[in-house]
Full PDB file with SEQRES, HELIX, SHEET, SSBOND, CRYST1, ORIGX, SCALE, CONECT and MASTER records, all heavy atoms in Angstrom:
SEQRES   1 A   42  ARG HIS VAL VAL VAL ILE GLY GLY GLY LEU ALA GLY THR          
SEQRES   2 A   42  ALA ALA ALA VAL LEU LEU ALA GLU ARG GLY VAL GLU VAL          
SEQRES   3 A   42  THR LEU VAL GLU ARG GLU VAL TYR LEU GLY GLY ARG ALA          
SEQRES   4 A   42  GLY ALA TRP                                                  
HELIX    1 AA1 LEU A   10  GLU A   21  1                                  12    
HELIX    2 AA2 GLY A   37  ALA A   39  5                                   3    
SHEET    1 AA1 2 HIS A   2  ILE A   6  0                                        
SHEET    2 AA1 2 GLU A  25  VAL A  29  1                                        
CRYST1    1.000    1.000    1.000  90.00  90.00  90.00 P 1           1          
ORIGX1      1.000000  0.000000  0.000000        0.00000                         
ORIGX2      0.000000  1.000000  0.000000        0.00000                         
ORIGX3      0.000000  0.000000  1.000000        0.00000                         
SCALE1      1.000000  0.000000  0.000000        0.00000                         
SCALE2      0.000000  1.000000  0.000000        0.00000                         
SCALE3      0.000000  0.000000  1.000000        0.00000                         
ATOM      1  N   ARG A   1      -1.857  -1.675 -16.409  1.00  0.00           N  
ATOM      2  CA  ARG A   1      -3.125  -2.358 -16.177  1.00  0.00           C  
ATOM      3  C   ARG A   1      -4.285  -1.402 -16.411  1.00  0.00           C  
ATOM      4  O   ARG A   1      -4.164  -0.187 -16.218  1.00  0.00           O  
ATOM      5  CB  ARG A   1      -3.175  -2.883 -14.740  1.00  0.00           C  
ATOM      6  CG  ARG A   1      -2.031  -3.809 -14.361  1.00  0.00           C  
ATOM      7  CD  ARG A   1      -2.050  -5.095 -15.171  1.00  0.00           C  
ATOM      8  NE  ARG A   1      -1.038  -6.039 -14.726  1.00  0.00           N  
ATOM      9  CZ  ARG A   1      -1.304  -7.293 -14.346  1.00  0.00           C  
ATOM     10  NH1 ARG A   1      -2.538  -7.746 -14.389  1.00  0.00           N  
ATOM     11  NH2 ARG A   1      -0.329  -8.085 -13.969  1.00  0.00           N  
ATOM     12  N   HIS A   2      -5.415  -1.979 -16.781  1.00  0.00           N  
ATOM     13  CA  HIS A   2      -6.610  -1.181 -17.035  1.00  0.00           C  
ATOM     14  C   HIS A   2      -7.704  -1.640 -16.083  1.00  0.00           C  
ATOM     15  O   HIS A   2      -8.025  -2.833 -16.009  1.00  0.00           O  
ATOM     16  CB  HIS A   2      -7.066  -1.352 -18.485  1.00  0.00           C  
ATOM     17  CG  HIS A   2      -8.279  -0.541 -18.829  1.00  0.00           C  
ATOM     18  ND1 HIS A   2      -9.097  -0.847 -19.896  1.00  0.00           N  
ATOM     19  CD2 HIS A   2      -8.825   0.563 -18.254  1.00  0.00           C  
ATOM     20  CE1 HIS A   2     -10.079   0.036 -19.959  1.00  0.00           C  
ATOM     21  NE2 HIS A   2      -9.937   0.892 -18.966  1.00  0.00           N  
ATOM     22  N   VAL A   3      -8.276  -0.689 -15.332  1.00  0.00           N  
ATOM     23  CA  VAL A   3      -9.353  -0.967 -14.385  1.00  0.00           C  
ATOM     24  C   VAL A   3     -10.586  -0.191 -14.804  1.00  0.00           C  
ATOM     25  O   VAL A   3     -10.506   1.002 -15.115  1.00  0.00           O  
ATOM     26  CB  VAL A   3      -8.953  -0.577 -12.948  1.00  0.00           C  
ATOM     27  CG1 VAL A   3     -10.123  -0.791 -11.986  1.00  0.00           C  
ATOM     28  CG2 VAL A   3      -7.732  -1.381 -12.494  1.00  0.00           C  
ATOM     29  N   VAL A   4     -11.726  -0.855 -14.803  1.00  0.00           N  
ATOM     30  CA  VAL A   4     -12.997  -0.166 -14.974  1.00  0.00           C  
ATOM     31  C   VAL A   4     -13.628   0.010 -13.603  1.00  0.00           C  
ATOM     32  O   VAL A   4     -13.830  -0.954 -12.870  1.00  0.00           O  
ATOM     33  CB  VAL A   4     -13.954  -0.944 -15.905  1.00  0.00           C  
ATOM     34  CG1 VAL A   4     -15.351  -0.305 -15.887  1.00  0.00           C  
ATOM     35  CG2 VAL A   4     -13.422  -0.956 -17.330  1.00  0.00           C  
ATOM     36  N   VAL A   5     -13.895   1.251 -13.252  1.00  0.00           N  
ATOM     37  CA  VAL A   5     -14.601   1.581 -12.020  1.00  0.00           C  
ATOM     38  C   VAL A   5     -16.045   1.880 -12.393  1.00  0.00           C  
ATOM     39  O   VAL A   5     -16.313   2.789 -13.181  1.00  0.00           O  
ATOM     40  CB  VAL A   5     -13.969   2.802 -11.315  1.00  0.00           C  
ATOM     41  CG1 VAL A   5     -14.762   3.156 -10.064  1.00  0.00           C  
ATOM     42  CG2 VAL A   5     -12.508   2.525 -10.968  1.00  0.00           C  
ATOM     43  N   ILE A   6     -16.954   1.097 -11.861  1.00  0.00           N  
ATOM     44  CA  ILE A   6     -18.379   1.270 -12.161  1.00  0.00           C  
ATOM     45  C   ILE A   6     -19.010   2.045 -11.012  1.00  0.00           C  
ATOM     46  O   ILE A   6     -19.106   1.554  -9.891  1.00  0.00           O  
ATOM     47  CB  ILE A   6     -19.078  -0.085 -12.347  1.00  0.00           C  
ATOM     48  CG1 ILE A   6     -18.395  -0.897 -13.454  1.00  0.00           C  
ATOM     49  CG2 ILE A   6     -20.554   0.116 -12.679  1.00  0.00           C  
ATOM     50  CD1 ILE A   6     -18.952  -2.304 -13.605  1.00  0.00           C  
ATOM     51  N   GLY A   7     -19.413   3.267 -11.297  1.00  0.00           N  
ATOM     52  CA  GLY A   7     -20.009   4.124 -10.287  1.00  0.00           C  
ATOM     53  C   GLY A   7     -19.156   5.345 -10.021  1.00  0.00           C  
ATOM     54  O   GLY A   7     -18.001   5.222  -9.616  1.00  0.00           O  
ATOM     55  N   GLY A   8     -19.728   6.537 -10.237  1.00  0.00           N  
ATOM     56  CA  GLY A   8     -18.976   7.773 -10.102  1.00  0.00           C  
ATOM     57  C   GLY A   8     -19.316   8.576  -8.870  1.00  0.00           C  
ATOM     58  O   GLY A   8     -19.162   9.799  -8.869  1.00  0.00           O  
ATOM     59  N   GLY A   9     -19.771   7.898  -7.803  1.00  0.00           N  
ATOM     60  CA  GLY A   9     -19.985   8.592  -6.538  1.00  0.00           C  
ATOM     61  C   GLY A   9     -18.689   8.718  -5.767  1.00  0.00           C  
ATOM     62  O   GLY A   9     -17.591   8.579  -6.316  1.00  0.00           O  
ATOM     63  N   LEU A  10     -18.793   8.969  -4.471  1.00  0.00           N  
ATOM     64  CA  LEU A  10     -17.603   9.133  -3.648  1.00  0.00           C  
ATOM     65  C   LEU A  10     -16.730   7.893  -3.659  1.00  0.00           C  
ATOM     66  O   LEU A  10     -15.502   7.981  -3.768  1.00  0.00           O  
ATOM     67  CB  LEU A  10     -18.002   9.490  -2.218  1.00  0.00           C  
ATOM     68  CG  LEU A  10     -18.463  10.927  -1.994  1.00  0.00           C  
ATOM     69  CD1 LEU A  10     -19.173  11.059  -0.653  1.00  0.00           C  
ATOM     70  CD2 LEU A  10     -17.297  11.898  -2.084  1.00  0.00           C  
ATOM     71  N   ALA A  11     -17.333   6.706  -3.542  1.00  0.00           N  
ATOM     72  CA  ALA A  11     -16.556   5.474  -3.504  1.00  0.00           C  
ATOM     73  C   ALA A  11     -15.819   5.242  -4.813  1.00  0.00           C  
ATOM     74  O   ALA A  11     -14.613   4.971  -4.833  1.00  0.00           O  
ATOM     75  CB  ALA A  11     -17.472   4.286  -3.183  1.00  0.00           C  
ATOM     76  N   GLY A  12     -16.536   5.344  -5.926  1.00  0.00           N  
ATOM     77  CA  GLY A  12     -15.903   5.108  -7.215  1.00  0.00           C  
ATOM     78  C   GLY A  12     -14.876   6.165  -7.565  1.00  0.00           C  
ATOM     79  O   GLY A  12     -13.814   5.851  -8.118  1.00  0.00           O  
ATOM     80  N   THR A  13     -15.170   7.416  -7.228  1.00  0.00           N  
ATOM     81  CA  THR A  13     -14.212   8.482  -7.513  1.00  0.00           C  
ATOM     82  C   THR A  13     -12.943   8.299  -6.702  1.00  0.00           C  
ATOM     83  O   THR A  13     -11.828   8.479  -7.217  1.00  0.00           O  
ATOM     84  CB  THR A  13     -14.842   9.853  -7.211  1.00  0.00           C  
ATOM     85  OG1 THR A  13     -15.992  10.025  -8.044  1.00  0.00           O  
ATOM     86  CG2 THR A  13     -13.856  10.973  -7.473  1.00  0.00           C  
ATOM     87  N   ALA A  14     -13.074   7.943  -5.419  1.00  0.00           N  
ATOM     88  CA  ALA A  14     -11.889   7.712  -4.591  1.00  0.00           C  
ATOM     89  C   ALA A  14     -11.032   6.603  -5.182  1.00  0.00           C  
ATOM     90  O   ALA A  14      -9.799   6.713  -5.251  1.00  0.00           O  
ATOM     91  CB  ALA A  14     -12.306   7.367  -3.165  1.00  0.00           C  
ATOM     92  N   ALA A  15     -11.664   5.518  -5.620  1.00  0.00           N  
ATOM     93  CA  ALA A  15     -10.914   4.420  -6.219  1.00  0.00           C  
ATOM     94  C   ALA A  15     -10.234   4.863  -7.508  1.00  0.00           C  
ATOM     95  O   ALA A  15      -9.049   4.572  -7.737  1.00  0.00           O  
ATOM     96  CB  ALA A  15     -11.852   3.239  -6.490  1.00  0.00           C  
ATOM     97  N   ALA A  16     -10.964   5.586  -8.358  1.00  0.00           N  
ATOM     98  CA  ALA A  16     -10.398   6.030  -9.637  1.00  0.00           C  
ATOM     99  C   ALA A  16      -9.229   6.985  -9.425  1.00  0.00           C  
ATOM    100  O   ALA A  16      -8.204   6.895 -10.117  1.00  0.00           O  
ATOM    101  CB  ALA A  16     -11.490   6.695 -10.474  1.00  0.00           C  
ATOM    102  N   VAL A  17      -9.363   7.895  -8.475  1.00  0.00           N  
ATOM    103  CA  VAL A  17      -8.298   8.863  -8.197  1.00  0.00           C  
ATOM    104  C   VAL A  17      -7.022   8.148  -7.786  1.00  0.00           C  
ATOM    105  O   VAL A  17      -5.933   8.410  -8.329  1.00  0.00           O  
ATOM    106  CB  VAL A  17      -8.756   9.848  -7.099  1.00  0.00           C  
ATOM    107  CG1 VAL A  17      -7.558  10.548  -6.460  1.00  0.00           C  
ATOM    108  CG2 VAL A  17      -9.718  10.883  -7.671  1.00  0.00           C  
ATOM    109  N   LEU A  18      -7.114   7.245  -6.833  1.00  0.00           N  
ATOM    110  CA  LEU A  18      -5.916   6.583  -6.314  1.00  0.00           C  
ATOM    111  C   LEU A  18      -5.275   5.692  -7.369  1.00  0.00           C  
ATOM    112  O   LEU A  18      -4.043   5.669  -7.516  1.00  0.00           O  
ATOM    113  CB  LEU A  18      -6.271   5.782  -5.056  1.00  0.00           C  
ATOM    114  CG  LEU A  18      -5.108   5.163  -4.299  1.00  0.00           C  
ATOM    115  CD1 LEU A  18      -4.013   6.167  -4.007  1.00  0.00           C  
ATOM    116  CD2 LEU A  18      -5.614   4.535  -2.993  1.00  0.00           C  
ATOM    117  N   LEU A  19      -6.085   4.951  -8.119  1.00  0.00           N  
ATOM    118  CA  LEU A  19      -5.529   4.095  -9.169  1.00  0.00           C  
ATOM    119  C   LEU A  19      -4.820   4.927 -10.231  1.00  0.00           C  
ATOM    120  O   LEU A  19      -3.710   4.598 -10.663  1.00  0.00           O  
ATOM    121  CB  LEU A  19      -6.650   3.269  -9.799  1.00  0.00           C  
ATOM    122  CG  LEU A  19      -7.235   2.154  -8.941  1.00  0.00           C  
ATOM    123  CD1 LEU A  19      -8.538   1.642  -9.541  1.00  0.00           C  
ATOM    124  CD2 LEU A  19      -6.243   1.001  -8.779  1.00  0.00           C  
ATOM    125  N   ALA A  20      -5.456   6.012 -10.662  1.00  0.00           N  
ATOM    126  CA  ALA A  20      -4.856   6.850 -11.704  1.00  0.00           C  
ATOM    127  C   ALA A  20      -3.569   7.497 -11.213  1.00  0.00           C  
ATOM    128  O   ALA A  20      -2.605   7.646 -11.976  1.00  0.00           O  
ATOM    129  CB  ALA A  20      -5.857   7.902 -12.158  1.00  0.00           C  
ATOM    130  N   GLU A  21      -3.534   7.888  -9.957  1.00  0.00           N  
ATOM    131  CA  GLU A  21      -2.322   8.503  -9.409  1.00  0.00           C  
ATOM    132  C   GLU A  21      -1.149   7.525  -9.370  1.00  0.00           C  
ATOM    133  O   GLU A  21       0.001   7.953  -9.333  1.00  0.00           O  
ATOM    134  CB  GLU A  21      -2.601   9.040  -8.004  1.00  0.00           C  
ATOM    135  CG  GLU A  21      -3.489  10.274  -8.001  1.00  0.00           C  
ATOM    136  CD  GLU A  21      -3.912  10.699  -6.607  1.00  0.00           C  
ATOM    137  OE1 GLU A  21      -3.767   9.882  -5.656  1.00  0.00           O  
ATOM    138  OE2 GLU A  21      -4.406  11.826  -6.457  1.00  0.00           O  
ATOM    139  N   ARG A  22      -1.444   6.233  -9.390  1.00  0.00           N  
ATOM    140  CA  ARG A  22      -0.388   5.219  -9.407  1.00  0.00           C  
ATOM    141  C   ARG A  22      -0.062   4.762 -10.828  1.00  0.00           C  
ATOM    142  O   ARG A  22       0.655   3.787 -11.021  1.00  0.00           O  
ATOM    143  CB  ARG A  22      -0.795   4.013  -8.554  1.00  0.00           C  
ATOM    144  CG  ARG A  22      -0.968   4.317  -7.077  1.00  0.00           C  
ATOM    145  CD  ARG A  22       0.350   4.753  -6.437  1.00  0.00           C  
ATOM    146  NE  ARG A  22       0.217   4.885  -4.992  1.00  0.00           N  
ATOM    147  CZ  ARG A  22      -0.108   6.006  -4.363  1.00  0.00           C  
ATOM    148  NH1 ARG A  22      -0.344   7.112  -5.074  1.00  0.00           N  
ATOM    149  NH2 ARG A  22      -0.194   6.048  -3.047  1.00  0.00           N  
ATOM    150  N   GLY A  23      -0.621   5.431 -11.823  1.00  0.00           N  
ATOM    151  CA  GLY A  23      -0.298   5.116 -13.205  1.00  0.00           C  
ATOM    152  C   GLY A  23      -1.151   4.056 -13.844  1.00  0.00           C  
ATOM    153  O   GLY A  23      -0.865   3.607 -14.963  1.00  0.00           O  
ATOM    154  N   VAL A  24      -2.228   3.634 -13.166  1.00  0.00           N  
ATOM    155  CA  VAL A  24      -3.134   2.630 -13.735  1.00  0.00           C  
ATOM    156  C   VAL A  24      -4.079   3.320 -14.721  1.00  0.00           C  
ATOM    157  O   VAL A  24      -4.552   4.436 -14.490  1.00  0.00           O  
ATOM    158  CB  VAL A  24      -3.940   1.947 -12.614  1.00  0.00           C  
ATOM    159  CG1 VAL A  24      -4.956   0.960 -13.190  1.00  0.00           C  
ATOM    160  CG2 VAL A  24      -3.005   1.245 -11.629  1.00  0.00           C  
ATOM    161  N   GLU A  25      -4.326   2.662 -15.838  1.00  0.00           N  
ATOM    162  CA  GLU A  25      -5.315   3.165 -16.795  1.00  0.00           C  
ATOM    163  C   GLU A  25      -6.707   2.908 -16.228  1.00  0.00           C  
ATOM    164  O   GLU A  25      -7.032   1.784 -15.836  1.00  0.00           O  
ATOM    165  CB  GLU A  25      -5.154   2.449 -18.133  1.00  0.00           C  
ATOM    166  CG  GLU A  25      -6.098   2.962 -19.212  1.00  0.00           C  
ATOM    167  CD  GLU A  25      -5.957   2.182 -20.513  1.00  0.00           C  
ATOM    168  OE1 GLU A  25      -5.072   1.316 -20.594  1.00  0.00           O  
ATOM    169  OE2 GLU A  25      -6.750   2.443 -21.436  1.00  0.00           O  
ATOM    170  N   VAL A  26      -7.541   3.939 -16.174  1.00  0.00           N  
ATOM    171  CA  VAL A  26      -8.847   3.842 -15.524  1.00  0.00           C  
ATOM    172  C   VAL A  26      -9.933   4.350 -16.458  1.00  0.00           C  
ATOM    173  O   VAL A  26      -9.794   5.404 -17.086  1.00  0.00           O  
ATOM    174  CB  VAL A  26      -8.886   4.657 -14.217  1.00  0.00           C  
ATOM    175  CG1 VAL A  26     -10.283   4.594 -13.587  1.00  0.00           C  
ATOM    176  CG2 VAL A  26      -7.839   4.165 -13.226  1.00  0.00           C  
ATOM    177  N   THR A  27     -11.012   3.574 -16.542  1.00  0.00           N  
ATOM    178  CA  THR A  27     -12.249   4.049 -17.162  1.00  0.00           C  
ATOM    179  C   THR A  27     -13.308   4.103 -16.076  1.00  0.00           C  
ATOM    180  O   THR A  27     -13.570   3.100 -15.398  1.00  0.00           O  
ATOM    181  CB  THR A  27     -12.714   3.112 -18.287  1.00  0.00           C  
ATOM    182  OG1 THR A  27     -11.722   3.073 -19.321  1.00  0.00           O  
ATOM    183  CG2 THR A  27     -14.029   3.593 -18.878  1.00  0.00           C  
ATOM    184  N   LEU A  28     -13.890   5.262 -15.879  1.00  0.00           N  
ATOM    185  CA  LEU A  28     -14.925   5.465 -14.872  1.00  0.00           C  
ATOM    186  C   LEU A  28     -16.279   5.507 -15.563  1.00  0.00           C  
ATOM    187  O   LEU A  28     -16.543   6.388 -16.384  1.00  0.00           O  
ATOM    188  CB  LEU A  28     -14.665   6.768 -14.109  1.00  0.00           C  
ATOM    189  CG  LEU A  28     -15.651   7.159 -13.012  1.00  0.00           C  
ATOM    190  CD1 LEU A  28     -15.722   6.090 -11.934  1.00  0.00           C  
ATOM    191  CD2 LEU A  28     -15.268   8.503 -12.411  1.00  0.00           C  
ATOM    192  N   VAL A  29     -17.132   4.541 -15.257  1.00  0.00           N  
ATOM    193  CA  VAL A  29     -18.445   4.416 -15.885  1.00  0.00           C  
ATOM    194  C   VAL A  29     -19.506   4.918 -14.905  1.00  0.00           C  
ATOM    195  O   VAL A  29     -19.586   4.431 -13.766  1.00  0.00           O  
ATOM    196  CB  VAL A  29     -18.739   2.954 -16.273  1.00  0.00           C  
ATOM    197  CG1 VAL A  29     -20.144   2.833 -16.870  1.00  0.00           C  
ATOM    198  CG2 VAL A  29     -17.697   2.451 -17.263  1.00  0.00           C  
ATOM    199  N   GLU A  30     -20.296   5.868 -15.327  1.00  0.00           N  
ATOM    200  CA  GLU A  30     -21.334   6.444 -14.470  1.00  0.00           C  
ATOM    201  C   GLU A  30     -22.649   6.529 -15.231  1.00  0.00           C  
ATOM    202  O   GLU A  30     -22.707   7.067 -16.330  1.00  0.00           O  
ATOM    203  CB  GLU A  30     -20.913   7.834 -13.983  1.00  0.00           C  
ATOM    204  CG  GLU A  30     -22.000   8.655 -13.323  1.00  0.00           C  
ATOM    205  CD  GLU A  30     -22.698   7.928 -12.177  1.00  0.00           C  
ATOM    206  OE1 GLU A  30     -21.997   7.353 -11.315  1.00  0.00           O  
ATOM    207  OE2 GLU A  30     -23.944   7.920 -12.153  1.00  0.00           O  
ATOM    208  N   ARG A  31     -23.697   5.973 -14.626  1.00  0.00           N  
ATOM    209  CA  ARG A  31     -25.012   5.943 -15.270  1.00  0.00           C  
ATOM    210  C   ARG A  31     -25.571   7.340 -15.530  1.00  0.00           C  
ATOM    211  O   ARG A  31     -26.186   7.594 -16.578  1.00  0.00           O  
ATOM    212  CB  ARG A  31     -25.982   5.148 -14.395  1.00  0.00           C  
ATOM    213  CG  ARG A  31     -27.405   5.078 -14.946  1.00  0.00           C  
ATOM    214  CD  ARG A  31     -28.284   4.246 -14.026  1.00  0.00           C  
ATOM    215  NE  ARG A  31     -28.323   4.796 -12.677  1.00  0.00           N  
ATOM    216  CZ  ARG A  31     -28.914   4.201 -11.654  1.00  0.00           C  
ATOM    217  NH1 ARG A  31     -29.473   3.025 -11.810  1.00  0.00           N  
ATOM    218  NH2 ARG A  31     -28.929   4.784 -10.468  1.00  0.00           N  
ATOM    219  N   GLU A  32     -25.394   8.256 -14.572  1.00  0.00           N  
ATOM    220  CA  GLU A  32     -25.901   9.612 -14.738  1.00  0.00           C  
ATOM    221  C   GLU A  32     -24.952  10.418 -15.637  1.00  0.00           C  
ATOM    222  O   GLU A  32     -23.823  10.002 -15.896  1.00  0.00           O  
ATOM    223  CB  GLU A  32     -26.033  10.303 -13.383  1.00  0.00           C  
ATOM    224  CG  GLU A  32     -26.903   9.572 -12.381  1.00  0.00           C  
ATOM    225  CD  GLU A  32     -28.372   9.527 -12.772  1.00  0.00           C  
ATOM    226  OE1 GLU A  32     -28.765  10.280 -13.687  1.00  0.00           O  
ATOM    227  OE2 GLU A  32     -29.123   8.740 -12.164  1.00  0.00           O  
ATOM    228  N   VAL A  33     -25.413  11.567 -16.066  1.00  0.00           N  
ATOM    229  CA  VAL A  33     -24.572  12.426 -16.905  1.00  0.00           C  
ATOM    230  C   VAL A  33     -23.659  13.295 -16.049  1.00  0.00           C  
ATOM    231  O   VAL A  33     -22.872  14.086 -16.576  1.00  0.00           O  
ATOM    232  CB  VAL A  33     -25.426  13.313 -17.832  1.00  0.00           C  
ATOM    233  CG1 VAL A  33     -26.199  12.451 -18.811  1.00  0.00           C  
ATOM    234  CG2 VAL A  33     -26.374  14.197 -17.022  1.00  0.00           C  
ATOM    235  N   TYR A  34     -23.758  13.188 -14.754  1.00  0.00           N  
ATOM    236  CA  TYR A  34     -22.926  13.946 -13.822  1.00  0.00           C  
ATOM    237  C   TYR A  34     -22.306  12.984 -12.813  1.00  0.00           C  
ATOM    238  O   TYR A  34     -22.836  11.897 -12.552  1.00  0.00           O  
ATOM    239  CB  TYR A  34     -23.750  15.009 -13.085  1.00  0.00           C  
ATOM    240  CG  TYR A  34     -24.957  14.433 -12.356  1.00  0.00           C  
ATOM    241  CD1 TYR A  34     -24.859  13.945 -11.049  1.00  0.00           C  
ATOM    242  CD2 TYR A  34     -26.202  14.360 -12.980  1.00  0.00           C  
ATOM    243  CE1 TYR A  34     -25.948  13.403 -10.397  1.00  0.00           C  
ATOM    244  CE2 TYR A  34     -27.303  13.816 -12.338  1.00  0.00           C  
ATOM    245  CZ  TYR A  34     -27.165  13.341 -11.033  1.00  0.00           C  
ATOM    246  OH  TYR A  34     -28.249  12.801 -10.389  1.00  0.00           O  
ATOM    247  N   LEU A  35     -21.168  13.376 -12.246  1.00  0.00           N  
ATOM    248  CA  LEU A  35     -20.530  12.591 -11.196  1.00  0.00           C  
ATOM    249  C   LEU A  35     -21.136  12.946  -9.835  1.00  0.00           C  
ATOM    250  O   LEU A  35     -21.835  13.941  -9.684  1.00  0.00           O  
ATOM    251  CB  LEU A  35     -19.028  12.861 -11.168  1.00  0.00           C  
ATOM    252  CG  LEU A  35     -18.215  12.451 -12.401  1.00  0.00           C  
ATOM    253  CD1 LEU A  35     -16.743  12.767 -12.180  1.00  0.00           C  
ATOM    254  CD2 LEU A  35     -18.405  10.975 -12.725  1.00  0.00           C  
ATOM    255  N   GLY A  36     -20.846  12.112  -8.852  1.00  0.00           N  
ATOM    256  CA  GLY A  36     -21.246  12.423  -7.486  1.00  0.00           C  
ATOM    257  C   GLY A  36     -22.149  11.409  -6.840  1.00  0.00           C  
ATOM    258  O   GLY A  36     -22.228  11.343  -5.612  1.00  0.00           O  
ATOM    259  N   GLY A  37     -22.878  10.615  -7.640  1.00  0.00           N  
ATOM    260  CA  GLY A  37     -23.770   9.638  -7.032  1.00  0.00           C  
ATOM    261  C   GLY A  37     -24.783  10.317  -6.130  1.00  0.00           C  
ATOM    262  O   GLY A  37     -25.401  11.324  -6.484  1.00  0.00           O  
ATOM    263  N   ARG A  38     -24.913   9.787  -4.907  1.00  0.00           N  
ATOM    264  CA  ARG A  38     -25.882  10.354  -3.966  1.00  0.00           C  
ATOM    265  C   ARG A  38     -25.420  11.677  -3.371  1.00  0.00           C  
ATOM    266  O   ARG A  38     -26.182  12.317  -2.644  1.00  0.00           O  
ATOM    267  CB  ARG A  38     -26.184   9.337  -2.862  1.00  0.00           C  
ATOM    268  CG  ARG A  38     -27.147   8.252  -3.337  1.00  0.00           C  
ATOM    269  CD  ARG A  38     -27.375   7.206  -2.281  1.00  0.00           C  
ATOM    270  NE  ARG A  38     -26.241   6.288  -2.210  1.00  0.00           N  
ATOM    271  CZ  ARG A  38     -25.933   5.572  -1.141  1.00  0.00           C  
ATOM    272  NH1 ARG A  38     -26.631   5.697  -0.028  1.00  0.00           N  
ATOM    273  NH2 ARG A  38     -24.920   4.742  -1.169  1.00  0.00           N  
ATOM    274  N   ALA A  39     -24.193  12.077  -3.663  1.00  0.00           N  
ATOM    275  CA  ALA A  39     -23.705  13.403  -3.271  1.00  0.00           C  
ATOM    276  C   ALA A  39     -23.550  14.304  -4.490  1.00  0.00           C  
ATOM    277  O   ALA A  39     -22.840  15.307  -4.437  1.00  0.00           O  
ATOM    278  CB  ALA A  39     -22.373  13.286  -2.532  1.00  0.00           C  
ATOM    279  N   GLY A  40     -24.201  13.963  -5.575  1.00  0.00           N  
ATOM    280  CA  GLY A  40     -24.098  14.732  -6.802  1.00  0.00           C  
ATOM    281  C   GLY A  40     -25.126  15.842  -6.881  1.00  0.00           C  
ATOM    282  O   GLY A  40     -25.940  16.044  -5.977  1.00  0.00           O  
ATOM    283  N   ALA A  41     -25.088  16.590  -7.971  1.00  0.00           N  
ATOM    284  CA  ALA A  41     -26.050  17.664  -8.209  1.00  0.00           C  
ATOM    285  C   ALA A  41     -26.246  17.818  -9.704  1.00  0.00           C  
ATOM    286  O   ALA A  41     -25.358  17.501 -10.494  1.00  0.00           O  
ATOM    287  CB  ALA A  41     -25.555  18.975  -7.597  1.00  0.00           C  
ATOM    288  N   TRP A  42     -27.401  18.306 -10.078  1.00  0.00           N  
ATOM    289  CA  TRP A  42     -27.735  18.453 -11.486  1.00  0.00           C  
ATOM    290  C   TRP A  42     -28.499  19.759 -11.675  1.00  0.00           C  
ATOM    291  O   TRP A  42     -29.075  20.303 -10.739  1.00  0.00           O  
ATOM    292  CB  TRP A  42     -28.569  17.267 -11.969  1.00  0.00           C  
ATOM    293  CG  TRP A  42     -29.851  17.081 -11.200  1.00  0.00           C  
ATOM    294  CD1 TRP A  42     -31.089  17.539 -11.535  1.00  0.00           C  
ATOM    295  CD2 TRP A  42     -30.013  16.392  -9.938  1.00  0.00           C  
ATOM    296  NE1 TRP A  42     -32.013  17.188 -10.596  1.00  0.00           N  
ATOM    297  CE2 TRP A  42     -31.387  16.484  -9.602  1.00  0.00           C  
ATOM    298  CE3 TRP A  42     -29.140  15.724  -9.085  1.00  0.00           C  
ATOM    299  CZ2 TRP A  42     -31.888  15.923  -8.423  1.00  0.00           C  
ATOM    300  CZ3 TRP A  42     -29.641  15.165  -7.913  1.00  0.00           C  
ATOM    301  CH2 TRP A  42     -30.998  15.264  -7.598  1.00  0.00           C  
TER     302      TRP A  42                                                      
MASTER        0    0    0    2    2    0    0    6  301    1    0    4          
END                                                                             
């Protein structure tokens, strides 16, 4: 299965990590050029 996770902050990263660890194909879409969302840095 293929899941698109929209948002690369803590919530989206947690979802992407767990799905990928179970063998799911994941695309993580993030508006910024860096991950982290409101806990990110640039």
